[in-house]
Protein backbone atom coordinates (compact mmCIF):
# COMPACT_ATOMS: atom_id res chain seq x y z
CA MET A 1 0.00 0.00 0.00
CA GLY A 2 2.93 2.33 0.64
CA LEU A 3 3.94 2.31 -3.04
CA ALA A 4 0.37 3.00 -4.10
CA LEU A 5 0.20 5.91 -1.63
CA GLU A 6 3.42 7.32 -3.11
CA GLN A 7 1.83 7.19 -6.57
CA ALA A 8 -1.22 9.01 -5.17
CA ARG A 9 1.04 11.71 -3.73
CA LEU A 10 2.71 12.18 -7.12
CA ALA A 11 -0.70 12.43 -8.81
CA ALA A 12 -1.74 15.15 -6.36
CA GLU A 13 1.48 17.06 -7.02
CA GLY A 14 0.56 17.00 -10.71
CA GLY A 15 -2.85 18.53 -9.98
CA ASP A 16 -4.80 15.29 -10.18
CA VAL A 17 -7.08 13.46 -7.78
CA PRO A 18 -4.70 11.61 -5.42
CA VAL A 19 -5.27 7.98 -6.39
CA GLY A 20 -2.47 5.48 -6.84
CA ALA A 21 -2.28 1.82 -7.80
CA VAL A 22 0.32 -0.91 -8.06
CA ALA A 23 0.25 -4.36 -9.68
CA LEU A 24 1.98 -7.40 -8.23
CA HIS A 25 2.81 -10.68 -9.96
CA ASN A 26 4.19 -13.53 -7.87
CA GLY A 27 4.80 -11.01 -5.09
CA MET A 28 6.90 -8.73 -7.28
CA LEU A 29 6.02 -5.22 -8.37
CA ILE A 30 5.38 -5.10 -12.12
CA ALA A 31 3.55 -1.78 -12.49
CA ALA A 32 2.76 1.42 -10.62
CA ALA A 33 0.70 4.44 -11.60
CA GLY A 34 -1.16 7.44 -10.28
CA ASN A 35 -4.04 9.34 -11.82
CA ARG A 36 -2.94 11.27 -14.92
CA ARG A 37 -6.22 12.71 -16.23
CA GLU A 38 -5.06 16.31 -15.92
CA ALA A 39 -1.47 15.63 -17.03
CA ASP A 40 -2.53 13.65 -20.11
CA GLY A 41 -5.83 15.38 -20.86
CA ASP A 42 -7.37 11.90 -20.89
CA PRO A 43 -10.60 11.19 -18.98
CA THR A 44 -9.71 7.48 -18.82
CA ALA A 45 -6.23 7.98 -17.30
CA HIS A 46 -7.23 6.67 -13.88
CA ALA A 47 -4.52 4.96 -11.83
CA GLU A 48 -6.19 1.54 -12.11
CA ILE A 49 -6.50 1.72 -15.90
CA LEU A 50 -2.89 2.81 -16.27
CA VAL A 51 -1.58 0.10 -13.95
CA ILE A 52 -3.62 -2.58 -15.77
CA ARG A 53 -2.20 -1.42 -19.12
CA ALA A 54 1.35 -1.45 -17.75
CA ALA A 55 0.90 -4.89 -16.17
CA ALA A 56 -0.48 -6.32 -19.42
CA GLU A 57 2.47 -4.85 -21.31
CA ALA A 58 4.97 -6.20 -18.76
CA LEU A 59 3.49 -9.72 -18.95
CA HIS A 60 2.74 -9.58 -22.71
CA ARG A 61 -0.86 -10.67 -22.20
CA TRP A 62 -4.25 -9.21 -21.36
CA ARG A 63 -5.50 -11.97 -19.05
CA LEU A 64 -4.11 -11.03 -15.62
CA ASP A 65 -5.69 -13.68 -13.40
CA ASP A 66 -2.47 -14.14 -11.43
CA VAL A 67 -2.02 -10.41 -10.77
CA THR A 68 -3.02 -8.52 -7.63
CA ILE A 69 -3.65 -4.79 -7.72
CA VAL A 70 -3.53 -2.47 -4.73
CA VAL A 71 -5.45 0.80 -5.04
CA THR A 72 -5.63 3.70 -2.60
CA LEU A 73 -9.35 4.21 -3.20
CA GLU A 74 -12.20 1.91 -4.22
CA PRO A 75 -12.37 1.80 -8.02
CA CYS A 76 -15.02 3.73 -9.92
CA VAL A 77 -17.40 1.87 -12.23
CA MET A 78 -15.09 2.27 -15.26
CA CYS A 79 -12.08 0.93 -13.36
CA ALA A 80 -14.08 -1.87 -11.75
CA GLY A 81 -15.14 -2.96 -15.23
CA ALA A 82 -11.54 -2.89 -16.45
CA ILE A 83 -10.46 -4.97 -13.44
CA VAL A 84 -13.11 -7.59 -14.24
CA ASN A 85 -12.32 -7.56 -17.98
CA ALA A 86 -8.59 -7.99 -17.33
CA ARG A 87 -9.44 -10.96 -15.10
CA ILE A 88 -7.37 -9.46 -12.26
CA GLY A 89 -6.96 -12.15 -9.63
CA ALA A 90 -7.44 -9.97 -6.54
CA SER A 91 -7.65 -6.34 -5.55
CA TRP A 92 -7.02 -4.42 -2.35
CA SER A 93 -8.41 -0.99 -1.61
CA GLU A 94 -7.91 1.69 1.04
CA ARG A 95 -9.77 -0.39 3.60
CA TRP A 96 -7.14 -3.07 3.09
CA THR A 97 -9.73 -5.71 2.33
CA ARG A 98 -8.78 -8.41 -0.12
CA ARG A 99 -11.42 -9.15 -2.70
CA PRO A 100 -11.46 -11.82 -5.33
CA VAL A 101 -12.38 -9.67 -8.31
CA PRO A 102 -14.91 -11.71 -10.27
CA SER A 103 -17.49 -11.35 -7.46
CA ALA A 104 -20.00 -8.76 -8.63
CA PRO A 105 -21.26 -7.87 -5.11
CA ALA A 106 -17.89 -6.23 -4.38
CA ILE A 107 -18.59 -3.67 -7.11
CA ARG A 108 -20.95 -0.95 -5.89
CA CYS A 109 -22.34 1.67 -8.22
CA SER A 110 -23.42 5.09 -7.01
CA PRO A 111 -26.53 6.56 -8.63
CA THR A 112 -25.93 9.47 -10.97
CA PRO A 113 -27.71 12.63 -9.81
CA GLY A 114 -30.42 14.11 -12.01
């Protein structure tokens, strides 16, 4: 979680929402990222999306069922969908609760106002 928090701090320094994420494979760090929406001008540049892309590139595959991601904040709906689609094996959030990803009840959606 410390490495993810460092990524969140770097995101905040860049004017972004302070969210960080790291990806682990066999206990080794393979990717780290913080939010880069403002820096990249990209609405999809959330920490989770970036760390999933980097992990897939590092492992040369899209199916990441043996990868664990640690995120400093619970993922939004977009990121939760990416986590499921990448078949991420497990995720940890700020509450430090381990969740096997394919379980839909762990993904909560907030209603959109108006």
